[in-house]
Amino acid sequence: MKKKKKAVLVVSFGTSYQRARKESLERIVKDVGEDCGLPVYQAYTSNVILRKLSLEHIRINTVEEAVERVLSDQVTHLYVVPTHMIPGMEYHKLKNKLMRQSHRFQSLRIAPTVLEQEGDCLKAASLLEELFSLEEETADGKRAYLFMGHGTESEANVRYEQMNLAFEQMGLCRVRIASVEAKPDLDDAITYFSHFPDLEEIVLHPFMVVAGEHALHDMAGEGASFAGRLREKGYLVKTVLTGLGEYAAFRKLYLNKLRRLLDGRFYVVGVGPGDPGLMTLQAANILKESDILGIPAENPMTCAAYLIAQRALPELEDKPMLCVRIPMTRRPELLRIAYEEAADSLLRELNDGNQVAFLNLGDPTVYGTGMELAGYLRARGIEVGVVSGVTSFGAAAAALGISLAKRKEAIHILPGGDWEDGWEGLPGTKVILKAGKRLPQIRKELIALEEAGKVRAYAVTNCGMENEAIYEDLRQMPEDAGYFTTILVKEGNVPRKDGNGTDP
């Protein structure tokens, strides 16, 4: 493996306005370089803007050109910081373009947008209040603040409405956002402000990283601009032609996102029960983006979770792996020592900034080894992400063609290794996992209960794997069916499929 060399790529839509470029986008690039101490490259995504700049003999790379330049400089780990406000179409085009190049790097990570999630809206609203003293601006009841966003046809446009809700939640009822190309728009803002009869002045500010074409013309221009239409309604209008990227406090949002990329992160990734086709897209993306695969076995070729992932993504064979051994024991002290040793070995990689994806069969939240290990790493200050997977019992029910539960039925998940009397009194469906050495005893008890007409039991071994076996009658299942056996127990004397009953 090549020696690790890290770099950052800052990607923007771009602007042809010199002041906006110098005071916003180039300051972001400068702050990023000073904060992380890594080489920083820059790219624009707008071909129109790049052509305009080329006529002025200003050379800025496209994303493709920046990637080639980075690779020519022997960079192995690339961290991409988009300056986009919301995860709209432009952002997803950028992500798709970059991910097609990910195989050329040991690691390629992309930071989220400013308003990636709904929770980011409240943080952004708080920052705007801090920057512009919004409470002070609106305290006399005669002034309001309107931010102008770009808008998009994608679902991400909901972030603008969520920003308005965030303002209301903070008690800033005379602060709104309206977008140029989508809802909520200026008409919505005018209708909203009409409910405040004492309102005299509206301060306009771009809710954009740069104060470029949209700010100068759509917001502050003459005629049908935001400012022009508000003046027609009788309001005094003050326009602020300063992009958010010109404020140091706002630029810190990008620095924080980059720091999170540079920090090591541990993912517990559920790969499903056996069939590689059941592995989720999210799991596949995390596995492809991660620097190291965590394997819960001494040899990856004996690890069911790895074999599933490798069949789904053959390129994982080239990923560095870190194998950890967690013994199959019920002795707490031995398990504690094993988990601490595993956490220590993973910690060395995580502290070096690596992203580790730890493979977990099925869904990690159901008796998952990865979740146990995650607890030890959280205690050491490591950020942990969890990727859900298809459960063995969900896949087993699908393979059998039966429902796990209907209407008001309960579902009980029982660890077969701790089998005890009294379970048959539980209402609804019983799911029995990890029976291990107790499997013969459990099988015998269920057959007896079934013959007495009290239950109907099914089993699937190695669900989704090449050696999968389905048993609609436990008498046909061998006592040593294996560790990966899932048993489903339904209440009552449910007809078999070859009878006249309906789906149980």
Protein backbone atom coordinates (compact mmCIF):
# COMPACT_ATOMS: atom_id res chain seq x y z
CA MET A 1 0.00 0.00 0.00
CA LYS A 2 1.19 3.49 -0.85
CA LYS A 3 2.24 5.78 1.96
CA LYS A 4 -0.72 7.82 3.15
CA LYS A 5 -0.91 11.38 1.81
CA LYS A 6 -3.92 13.53 2.70
CA ALA A 7 -5.40 16.57 0.99
CA VAL A 8 -8.60 18.62 0.94
CA LEU A 9 -10.70 19.65 -2.05
CA VAL A 10 -13.09 22.59 -1.57
CA VAL A 11 -15.86 22.51 -4.19
CA SER A 12 -18.25 25.39 -4.92
CA PHE A 13 -20.78 26.22 -7.60
CA GLY A 14 -18.59 29.26 -8.18
CA THR A 15 -19.01 32.96 -8.90
CA SER A 16 -17.73 35.35 -11.55
CA TYR A 17 -17.89 38.34 -9.18
CA GLN A 18 -14.38 39.18 -8.02
CA ARG A 19 -15.32 40.60 -4.63
CA ALA A 20 -17.57 37.65 -3.79
CA ARG A 21 -14.88 35.22 -4.91
CA LYS A 22 -12.13 36.92 -2.90
CA GLU A 23 -14.11 37.63 0.26
CA SER A 24 -16.05 34.36 0.45
CA LEU A 25 -14.88 31.32 -1.50
CA GLU A 26 -11.17 32.04 -1.35
CA ARG A 27 -11.43 32.83 2.36
CA ILE A 28 -13.04 29.44 2.93
CA VAL A 29 -10.13 27.80 1.12
CA LYS A 30 -7.63 29.83 3.16
CA ASP A 31 -9.34 29.03 6.49
CA VAL A 32 -9.49 25.33 5.65
CA GLY A 33 -5.77 25.19 4.87
CA GLU A 34 -4.80 27.06 8.02
CA ASP A 35 -7.05 24.92 10.19
CA CYS A 36 -6.12 21.44 8.97
CA GLY A 37 -2.53 22.00 7.82
CA LEU A 38 -3.10 19.93 4.66
CA PRO A 39 -2.76 20.83 0.98
CA VAL A 40 -6.00 22.40 -0.24
CA TYR A 41 -7.29 22.28 -3.82
CA GLN A 42 -10.25 24.18 -5.24
CA ALA A 43 -12.85 23.42 -7.91
CA TYR A 44 -16.04 24.97 -9.34
CA THR A 45 -18.95 22.99 -10.72
CA SER A 46 -20.52 25.68 -12.98
CA ASN A 47 -19.18 25.48 -16.53
CA VAL A 48 -20.78 28.85 -17.33
CA ILE A 49 -18.86 30.57 -14.56
CA LEU A 50 -15.63 28.79 -15.47
CA ARG A 51 -15.96 30.02 -19.06
CA LYS A 52 -16.53 33.59 -17.88
CA LEU A 53 -13.47 33.43 -15.65
CA SER A 54 -11.32 31.98 -18.43
CA LEU A 55 -12.06 35.08 -20.52
CA GLU A 56 -10.55 37.08 -17.66
CA HIS A 57 -7.55 34.70 -17.63
CA ILE A 58 -8.59 33.29 -14.25
CA ARG A 59 -7.99 29.54 -14.06
CA ILE A 60 -10.00 27.40 -11.62
CA ASN A 61 -10.29 23.64 -11.99
CA THR A 62 -13.39 21.64 -12.76
CA VAL A 63 -14.02 18.77 -10.35
CA GLU A 64 -12.56 16.30 -12.85
CA GLU A 65 -9.46 18.43 -13.35
CA ALA A 66 -9.00 18.85 -9.61
CA VAL A 67 -9.18 15.09 -9.10
CA GLU A 68 -6.52 14.49 -11.75
CA ARG A 69 -4.29 17.14 -10.21
CA VAL A 70 -4.71 15.63 -6.76
CA LEU A 71 -3.84 12.18 -8.06
CA SER A 72 -0.80 13.50 -9.91
CA ASP A 73 0.40 14.86 -6.57
CA GLN A 74 0.22 11.32 -5.15
CA VAL A 75 -2.65 12.05 -2.77
CA THR A 76 -4.15 8.84 -1.35
CA HIS A 77 -6.75 10.24 1.06
CA LEU A 78 -8.98 13.02 -0.27
CA TYR A 79 -11.44 14.95 1.91
CA VAL A 80 -14.00 16.95 -0.03
CA VAL A 81 -15.70 20.02 1.47
CA PRO A 82 -18.62 21.23 -0.66
CA THR A 83 -19.80 24.76 0.12
CA HIS A 84 -23.41 23.92 -0.85
CA MET A 85 -26.16 25.07 1.51
CA ILE A 86 -28.60 22.17 1.06
CA PRO A 87 -28.30 18.59 -0.26
CA GLY A 88 -30.06 19.40 -3.52
CA MET A 89 -29.48 18.28 -7.10
CA GLU A 90 -26.12 20.07 -7.49
CA TYR A 91 -24.76 18.42 -4.37
CA HIS A 92 -25.89 14.95 -5.42
CA LYS A 93 -24.44 15.42 -8.92
CA LEU A 94 -21.15 16.30 -7.26
CA LYS A 95 -21.28 13.26 -4.96
CA ASN A 96 -22.03 10.91 -7.85
CA LYS A 97 -19.20 12.40 -9.90
CA LEU A 98 -16.73 12.00 -7.04
CA MET A 99 -17.82 8.50 -6.07
CA ARG A 100 -17.07 7.33 -9.61
CA GLN A 101 -13.45 8.29 -8.84
CA SER A 102 -13.35 6.78 -5.35
CA HIS A 103 -11.61 3.56 -6.50
CA ARG A 104 -8.57 5.66 -7.41
CA PHE A 105 -8.00 6.66 -3.77
CA GLN A 106 -7.38 4.70 -0.64
CA SER A 107 -10.05 6.89 0.89
CA LEU A 108 -12.38 9.57 -0.47
CA ARG A 109 -14.79 11.25 1.96
CA ILE A 110 -17.32 13.97 1.26
CA ALA A 111 -18.58 16.36 3.92
CA PRO A 112 -22.32 17.03 4.19
CA THR A 113 -23.93 20.33 3.25
CA VAL A 114 -24.60 23.17 5.69
CA LEU A 115 -28.23 22.10 6.09
CA GLU A 116 -27.79 18.36 5.61
CA GLN A 117 -30.42 17.39 8.18
CA GLU A 118 -33.42 19.08 9.75
CA GLY A 119 -31.50 19.47 13.02
CA ASP A 120 -28.96 21.66 11.21
CA CYS A 121 -31.63 24.31 10.65
CA LEU A 122 -31.87 25.27 14.31
CA LYS A 123 -28.08 25.53 14.51
CA ALA A 124 -28.00 27.75 11.41
CA ALA A 125 -30.82 29.93 12.74
CA SER A 126 -28.92 30.39 16.00
CA LEU A 127 -25.81 31.37 14.05
CA LEU A 128 -27.74 33.95 12.02
CA GLU A 129 -29.15 35.39 15.23
CA GLU A 130 -25.61 35.66 16.59
CA LEU A 131 -24.27 37.27 13.40
CA PHE A 132 -27.03 39.80 12.83
CA SER A 133 -28.52 40.45 16.29
CA LEU A 134 -31.94 39.50 14.96
CA GLU A 135 -33.73 39.99 18.27
CA GLU A 136 -32.36 43.52 18.48
CA GLU A 137 -33.40 44.18 14.88
CA THR A 138 -36.98 43.13 15.53
CA ALA A 139 -37.39 44.32 19.13
CA ASP A 140 -39.36 47.47 18.28
CA GLY A 141 -41.78 45.50 16.13
CA LYS A 142 -41.24 47.73 13.10
CA ARG A 143 -38.44 45.82 11.39
CA ALA A 144 -38.22 42.34 9.92
CA TYR A 145 -35.43 40.30 8.35
CA LEU A 146 -35.81 38.33 5.10
CA PHE A 147 -33.08 35.97 3.88
CA MET A 148 -33.04 34.99 0.21
CA GLY A 149 -32.14 31.41 -0.65
CA HIS A 150 -31.65 29.85 -4.07
CA GLY A 151 -34.24 27.06 -4.01
CA THR A 152 -34.30 23.70 -5.77
CA GLU A 153 -36.78 21.29 -7.31
CA SER A 154 -35.46 18.45 -5.17
CA GLU A 155 -36.89 17.28 -1.85
CA ALA A 156 -34.03 19.08 -0.10
CA ASN A 157 -35.90 22.34 -0.64
CA VAL A 158 -37.83 21.49 2.54
CA ARG A 159 -34.84 22.86 4.48
CA TYR A 160 -36.01 26.42 3.75
CA GLU A 161 -39.38 25.75 5.32
CA GLN A 162 -37.62 24.07 8.23
CA MET A 163 -35.47 27.18 8.65
CA ASN A 164 -38.66 29.25 9.01
CA LEU A 165 -39.92 26.81 11.62
CA ALA A 166 -36.58 27.10 13.42
CA PHE A 167 -36.91 30.91 13.54
CA GLU A 168 -40.39 30.55 15.02
CA GLN A 169 -39.13 28.01 17.55
CA MET A 170 -36.54 30.57 18.68
CA GLY A 171 -39.18 33.27 19.00
CA LEU A 172 -37.90 35.17 15.93
CA CYS A 173 -41.31 35.57 14.36
CA ARG A 174 -40.28 38.45 12.10
CA VAL A 175 -37.43 36.58 10.45
CA ARG A 176 -38.11 34.50 7.32
CA ILE A 177 -36.45 32.80 4.39
CA ALA A 178 -37.77 32.93 0.83
CA SER A 179 -36.18 31.22 -2.17
CA VAL A 180 -35.76 32.44 -5.74
CA GLU A 181 -36.72 29.26 -7.57
CA ALA A 182 -39.01 27.29 -5.24
CA LYS A 183 -41.26 27.47 -2.19
CA PRO A 184 -41.37 29.23 0.22
CA ASP A 185 -41.02 32.16 -2.19
CA LEU A 186 -41.35 35.94 -1.97
CA ASP A 187 -45.16 35.78 -2.28
CA ASP A 188 -45.22 33.55 0.80
CA ALA A 189 -43.02 36.00 2.69
CA ILE A 190 -45.17 38.99 1.69
CA THR A 191 -48.31 37.18 2.84
CA TYR A 192 -46.61 36.28 6.11
CA PHE A 193 -45.40 39.83 6.81
CA SER A 194 -48.87 41.24 6.04
CA HIS A 195 -49.98 39.90 9.42
CA PHE A 196 -47.78 42.52 11.13
CA PRO A 197 -49.51 45.89 10.53
CA ASP A 198 -46.82 47.85 12.38
CA LEU A 199 -44.04 46.53 10.16
CA GLU A 200 -42.19 49.35 8.37
CA GLU A 201 -38.74 48.09 7.29
CA ILE A 202 -37.45 44.81 5.91
CA VAL A 203 -33.74 43.99 5.85
CA LEU A 204 -32.79 41.73 2.93
CA HIS A 205 -29.78 39.42 3.17
CA PRO A 206 -28.63 36.60 0.88
CA PHE A 207 -28.93 33.15 2.44
CA MET A 208 -26.11 32.11 0.14
CA VAL A 209 -22.40 31.56 0.53
CA VAL A 210 -21.60 34.27 -2.03
CA ALA A 211 -23.37 37.53 -2.86
CA GLY A 212 -23.26 37.09 -6.62
CA GLU A 213 -25.76 37.23 -9.49
CA HIS A 214 -28.80 36.32 -7.43
CA ALA A 215 -27.98 38.75 -4.62
CA LEU A 216 -27.24 41.67 -6.96
CA HIS A 217 -30.16 41.22 -9.33
CA ASP A 218 -32.86 38.92 -7.89
CA MET A 219 -32.58 40.33 -4.39
CA ALA A 220 -31.33 43.93 -4.64
CA GLY A 221 -32.02 44.83 -8.29
CA GLU A 222 -34.70 47.02 -9.79
CA GLY A 223 -38.13 45.96 -11.01
CA ALA A 224 -39.43 42.56 -9.96
CA SER A 225 -36.57 41.83 -7.55
CA PHE A 226 -37.19 41.07 -3.88
CA ALA A 227 -36.34 44.67 -2.99
CA GLY A 228 -38.48 46.15 -5.79
CA ARG A 229 -41.58 44.16 -4.95
CA LEU A 230 -41.28 44.84 -1.22
CA ARG A 231 -41.00 48.58 -1.92
CA GLU A 232 -44.16 48.32 -4.02
CA LYS A 233 -45.88 46.98 -0.91
CA GLY A 234 -44.87 50.13 0.95
CA TYR A 235 -41.96 48.77 2.99
CA LEU A 236 -38.66 50.50 3.51
CA VAL A 237 -36.02 48.08 2.28
CA LYS A 238 -32.40 47.75 3.33
CA THR A 239 -30.25 45.37 1.28
CA VAL A 240 -27.09 43.74 2.61
CA LEU A 241 -24.86 42.53 -0.24
CA THR A 242 -22.65 40.29 1.84
CA GLY A 243 -22.49 36.53 1.29
CA LEU A 244 -22.53 34.29 4.35
CA GLY A 245 -19.07 33.03 3.42
CA GLU A 246 -17.69 36.48 4.26
CA TYR A 247 -18.40 35.90 7.96
CA ALA A 248 -15.72 34.00 9.88
CA ALA A 249 -18.31 32.43 12.19
CA PHE A 250 -20.13 30.97 9.20
CA ARG A 251 -16.91 29.67 7.65
CA LYS A 252 -16.32 27.72 10.84
CA LEU A 253 -19.20 25.46 9.84
CA TYR A 254 -17.02 24.11 7.03
CA LEU A 255 -14.03 23.71 9.33
CA ASN A 256 -16.11 21.69 11.77
CA LYS A 257 -17.38 19.44 8.99
CA LEU A 258 -13.83 18.86 7.79
CA ARG A 259 -12.64 18.00 11.29
CA ARG A 260 -15.32 15.35 11.50
CA LEU A 261 -14.08 13.88 8.21
CA LEU A 262 -10.50 13.86 9.43
CA ASP A 263 -11.39 12.23 12.74
CA GLY A 264 -11.57 8.45 12.84
CA ARG A 265 -15.05 7.01 12.88
CA PHE A 266 -16.27 3.54 13.72
CA TYR A 267 -19.24 2.09 11.85
CA VAL A 268 -21.04 -1.09 12.81
CA VAL A 269 -22.41 -2.33 9.50
CA GLY A 270 -25.17 -4.91 9.28
CA VAL A 271 -24.66 -6.95 6.09
CA GLY A 272 -27.89 -8.94 6.32
CA PRO A 273 -28.48 -12.63 7.05
CA GLY A 274 -26.74 -14.31 4.13
CA ASP A 275 -27.96 -13.36 0.66
CA PRO A 276 -25.67 -10.54 -0.59
CA GLY A 277 -28.68 -9.11 -2.42
CA LEU A 278 -30.17 -8.25 0.96
CA MET A 279 -27.32 -5.95 1.91
CA THR A 280 -28.54 -2.34 1.94
CA LEU A 281 -27.26 0.46 -0.27
CA GLN A 282 -26.23 2.37 2.83
CA ALA A 283 -24.15 -0.56 4.02
CA ALA A 284 -22.52 -0.86 0.60
CA ASN A 285 -21.66 2.85 0.50
CA ILE A 286 -20.14 2.83 3.99
CA LEU A 287 -18.07 -0.27 3.19
CA LYS A 288 -16.77 1.28 -0.04
CA GLU A 289 -15.94 4.60 1.64
CA SER A 290 -14.24 3.12 4.70
CA ASP A 291 -10.47 2.83 5.00
CA ILE A 292 -10.41 -0.43 6.94
CA LEU A 293 -12.75 -3.40 7.35
CA GLY A 294 -13.16 -4.72 10.88
CA ILE A 295 -13.56 -8.50 10.80
CA PRO A 296 -15.04 -10.36 13.82
CA ALA A 297 -12.84 -13.41 13.23
CA GLU A 298 -9.17 -14.34 13.08
CA ASN A 299 -9.49 -15.27 9.39
CA PRO A 300 -11.82 -13.30 7.08
CA MET A 301 -12.49 -16.43 5.00
CA THR A 302 -14.14 -18.05 8.02
CA CYS A 303 -16.27 -14.96 8.75
CA ALA A 304 -19.82 -15.25 7.39
CA ALA A 305 -20.32 -11.48 7.49
CA TYR A 306 -17.22 -10.86 5.38
CA LEU A 307 -18.13 -13.53 2.83
CA ILE A 308 -21.55 -11.91 2.37
CA ALA A 309 -20.04 -8.44 1.94
CA GLN A 310 -17.34 -9.73 -0.41
CA ARG A 311 -19.93 -11.42 -2.64
CA ALA A 312 -21.87 -8.16 -2.84
CA LEU A 313 -18.78 -6.01 -3.33
CA PRO A 314 -15.83 -8.01 -4.78
CA GLU A 315 -13.61 -4.90 -4.60
CA LEU A 316 -13.53 -5.28 -0.81
CA GLU A 317 -10.82 -7.90 -1.29
CA ASP A 318 -8.38 -5.02 -1.79
CA LYS A 319 -9.38 -3.23 1.44
CA PRO A 320 -7.06 -3.38 4.44
CA MET A 321 -8.57 -5.58 7.15
CA LEU A 322 -8.25 -5.71 10.89
CA CYS A 323 -9.28 -9.05 12.34
CA VAL A 324 -10.32 -9.21 15.99
CA ARG A 325 -11.19 -12.33 17.93
CA ILE A 326 -14.21 -12.36 20.21
CA PRO A 327 -14.42 -15.82 21.83
CA MET A 328 -17.69 -17.76 21.96
CA THR A 329 -17.87 -17.84 25.74
CA ARG A 330 -20.40 -16.91 28.41
CA ARG A 331 -17.71 -15.93 30.94
CA PRO A 332 -17.97 -12.15 31.47
CA GLU A 333 -14.33 -11.61 32.40
CA LEU A 334 -13.02 -13.34 29.28
CA LEU A 335 -15.41 -11.34 27.12
CA ARG A 336 -14.39 -8.08 28.78
CA ILE A 337 -10.70 -8.75 28.12
CA ALA A 338 -11.40 -9.71 24.49
CA TYR A 339 -13.47 -6.58 23.84
CA GLU A 340 -10.90 -4.31 25.46
CA GLU A 341 -8.08 -5.83 23.40
CA ALA A 342 -10.18 -5.49 20.23
CA ALA A 343 -11.02 -1.87 21.09
CA ASP A 344 -7.34 -1.08 21.69
CA SER A 345 -6.31 -2.46 18.29
CA LEU A 346 -9.11 -0.55 16.55
CA LEU A 347 -8.31 2.61 18.48
CA ARG A 348 -4.85 2.79 16.95
CA GLU A 349 -6.37 2.95 13.46
CA LEU A 350 -9.16 5.34 14.48
CA ASN A 351 -6.74 7.76 16.14
CA ASP A 352 -4.85 7.86 12.86
CA GLY A 353 -7.98 9.28 11.21
CA ASN A 354 -9.15 6.05 9.58
CA GLN A 355 -12.78 5.16 9.07
CA VAL A 356 -13.39 1.58 10.15
CA ALA A 357 -16.43 -0.44 9.07
CA PHE A 358 -16.96 -3.40 11.39
CA LEU A 359 -18.96 -6.17 9.75
CA ASN A 360 -21.93 -7.64 11.59
CA LEU A 361 -24.12 -10.49 10.39
CA GLY A 362 -27.81 -9.63 10.12
CA ASP A 363 -28.76 -6.48 12.03
CA PRO A 364 -26.18 -5.28 14.58
CA THR A 365 -28.84 -4.09 17.03
CA VAL A 366 -30.01 -7.68 17.63
CA TYR A 367 -27.38 -9.47 19.76
CA GLY A 368 -24.67 -7.84 17.64
CA THR A 369 -21.00 -8.25 18.50
CA GLY A 370 -20.32 -4.94 16.79
CA MET A 371 -22.63 -3.08 19.16
CA GLU A 372 -20.81 -4.52 22.17
CA LEU A 373 -17.52 -3.38 20.70
CA ALA A 374 -18.98 0.05 19.89
CA GLY A 375 -19.69 0.59 23.59
CA TYR A 376 -16.02 0.15 24.46
CA LEU A 377 -15.00 2.60 21.72
CA ARG A 378 -17.57 5.20 22.72
CA ALA A 379 -16.12 5.09 26.21
CA ARG A 380 -12.78 6.03 24.60
CA GLY A 381 -14.30 9.06 22.86
CA ILE A 382 -14.78 7.57 19.38
CA GLU A 383 -17.80 8.58 17.31
CA VAL A 384 -19.85 5.55 16.34
CA GLY A 385 -22.31 5.06 13.49
CA VAL A 386 -24.67 2.11 13.12
CA VAL A 387 -25.98 0.80 9.79
CA SER A 388 -29.02 -1.42 10.15
CA GLY A 389 -29.29 -4.68 8.24
CA VAL A 390 -32.00 -7.17 7.34
CA THR A 391 -32.59 -9.44 10.34
CA SER A 392 -32.28 -13.21 10.13
CA PHE A 393 -35.81 -13.67 11.45
CA GLY A 394 -37.27 -11.20 8.94
CA ALA A 395 -35.51 -12.99 6.11
CA ALA A 396 -36.52 -16.40 7.55
CA ALA A 397 -40.20 -15.40 7.64
CA ALA A 398 -39.92 -14.21 4.04
CA ALA A 399 -38.27 -17.49 3.01
CA LEU A 400 -41.10 -19.40 4.68
CA GLY A 401 -43.72 -17.13 3.17
CA ILE A 402 -45.34 -16.36 6.50
CA SER A 403 -46.02 -13.23 8.54
CA LEU A 404 -44.09 -12.55 11.70
CA ALA A 405 -47.08 -10.75 13.16
CA LYS A 406 -50.52 -9.56 12.12
CA ARG A 407 -52.70 -6.81 13.50
CA LYS A 408 -52.11 -6.65 17.27
CA GLU A 409 -49.84 -9.70 17.57
CA ALA A 410 -46.71 -9.28 19.67
CA ILE A 411 -43.26 -10.51 18.66
CA HIS A 412 -40.85 -11.84 21.29
CA ILE A 413 -37.16 -12.33 20.48
CA LEU A 414 -35.61 -14.97 22.73
CA PRO A 415 -31.93 -15.96 23.10
CA GLY A 416 -31.89 -19.74 22.72
CA GLY A 417 -28.69 -20.01 24.71
CA ASP A 418 -30.56 -18.86 27.83
CA TRP A 419 -33.59 -21.06 27.26
CA GLU A 420 -35.91 -21.24 30.27
CA ASP A 421 -39.38 -22.50 31.07
CA GLY A 422 -42.29 -20.07 30.90
CA TRP A 423 -41.67 -18.76 27.41
CA GLU A 424 -44.75 -20.55 26.02
CA GLY A 425 -46.97 -18.21 28.05
CA LEU A 426 -45.81 -15.21 25.99
CA PRO A 427 -48.49 -14.04 23.53
CA GLY A 428 -47.89 -13.78 19.80
CA THR A 429 -44.90 -14.93 17.76
CA LYS A 430 -41.69 -16.16 19.38
CA VAL A 431 -38.36 -15.78 17.56
CA ILE A 432 -35.58 -18.01 18.91
CA LEU A 433 -32.00 -17.10 17.98
CA LYS A 434 -28.53 -18.32 18.89
CA ALA A 435 -29.72 -21.63 20.35
CA GLY A 436 -26.30 -23.25 20.08
CA LYS A 437 -26.01 -26.35 22.28
CA ARG A 438 -29.61 -25.89 23.48
CA LEU A 439 -31.01 -26.52 19.98
CA PRO A 440 -31.79 -30.26 20.53
CA GLN A 441 -33.67 -29.48 23.77
CA ILE A 442 -35.60 -26.61 22.17
CA ARG A 443 -36.47 -28.74 19.15
CA LYS A 444 -37.76 -31.54 21.37
CA GLU A 445 -39.95 -29.19 23.44
CA LEU A 446 -41.42 -27.51 20.37
CA ILE A 447 -42.25 -30.80 18.68
CA ALA A 448 -44.10 -31.89 21.82
CA LEU A 449 -46.01 -28.61 22.02
CA GLU A 450 -46.87 -28.81 18.34
CA GLU A 451 -48.20 -32.35 18.70
CA ALA A 452 -50.36 -31.08 21.56
CA GLY A 453 -51.81 -28.44 19.23
CA LYS A 454 -50.40 -25.49 21.20
CA VAL A 455 -47.90 -24.05 18.71
CA ARG A 456 -46.75 -24.22 15.13
CA ALA A 457 -42.96 -24.06 14.74
CA TYR A 458 -40.73 -23.37 11.73
CA ALA A 459 -36.99 -23.16 11.27
CA VAL A 460 -34.51 -21.84 8.71
CA THR A 461 -30.83 -22.63 8.91
CA ASN A 462 -28.16 -20.52 7.18
CA CYS A 463 -30.84 -18.19 5.85
CA GLY A 464 -29.88 -16.66 2.50
CA MET A 465 -26.64 -18.64 2.28
CA GLU A 466 -25.79 -21.29 -0.29
CA ASN A 467 -26.53 -24.08 2.22
CA GLU A 468 -29.86 -22.63 3.36
CA ALA A 469 -32.40 -25.18 4.59
CA ILE A 470 -36.06 -24.46 5.33
CA TYR A 471 -38.06 -26.63 7.74
CA GLU A 472 -41.82 -26.29 8.01
CA ASP A 473 -41.81 -29.32 10.30
CA LEU A 474 -39.17 -29.43 13.06
CA ARG A 475 -39.24 -33.24 13.00
CA GLN A 476 -37.46 -32.99 9.66
CA MET A 477 -34.74 -30.72 11.08
CA PRO A 478 -31.61 -32.46 12.36
CA GLU A 479 -30.70 -31.88 16.02
CA ASP A 480 -27.32 -30.48 14.96
CA ALA A 481 -28.77 -28.06 12.41
CA GLY A 482 -26.13 -25.47 13.29
CA TYR A 483 -25.53 -22.17 15.04
CA PHE A 484 -27.18 -20.07 12.32
CA THR A 485 -30.64 -21.53 12.93
CA THR A 486 -33.64 -19.24 13.30
CA ILE A 487 -36.82 -20.70 14.81
CA LEU A 488 -40.21 -19.03 14.50
CA VAL A 489 -43.02 -20.16 16.78
CA LYS A 490 -46.64 -19.21 16.10
CA GLU A 491 -49.48 -19.61 18.57
CA GLY A 492 -52.07 -22.36 18.19
CA ASN A 493 -52.57 -25.16 15.74
CA VAL A 494 -51.83 -23.28 12.51
CA PRO A 495 -52.48 -25.36 9.34
CA ARG A 496 -49.48 -26.37 7.30
CA LYS A 497 -49.01 -25.03 3.80
CA ASP A 498 -50.21 -28.31 2.32
CA GLY A 499 -53.51 -27.95 4.20
CA ASN A 500 -56.45 -25.72 3.44
CA GLY A 501 -55.46 -22.88 5.77
CA THR A 502 -54.45 -19.39 4.80
CA ASP A 503 -51.09 -17.70 5.35
CA PRO A 504 -50.28 -18.16 9.06
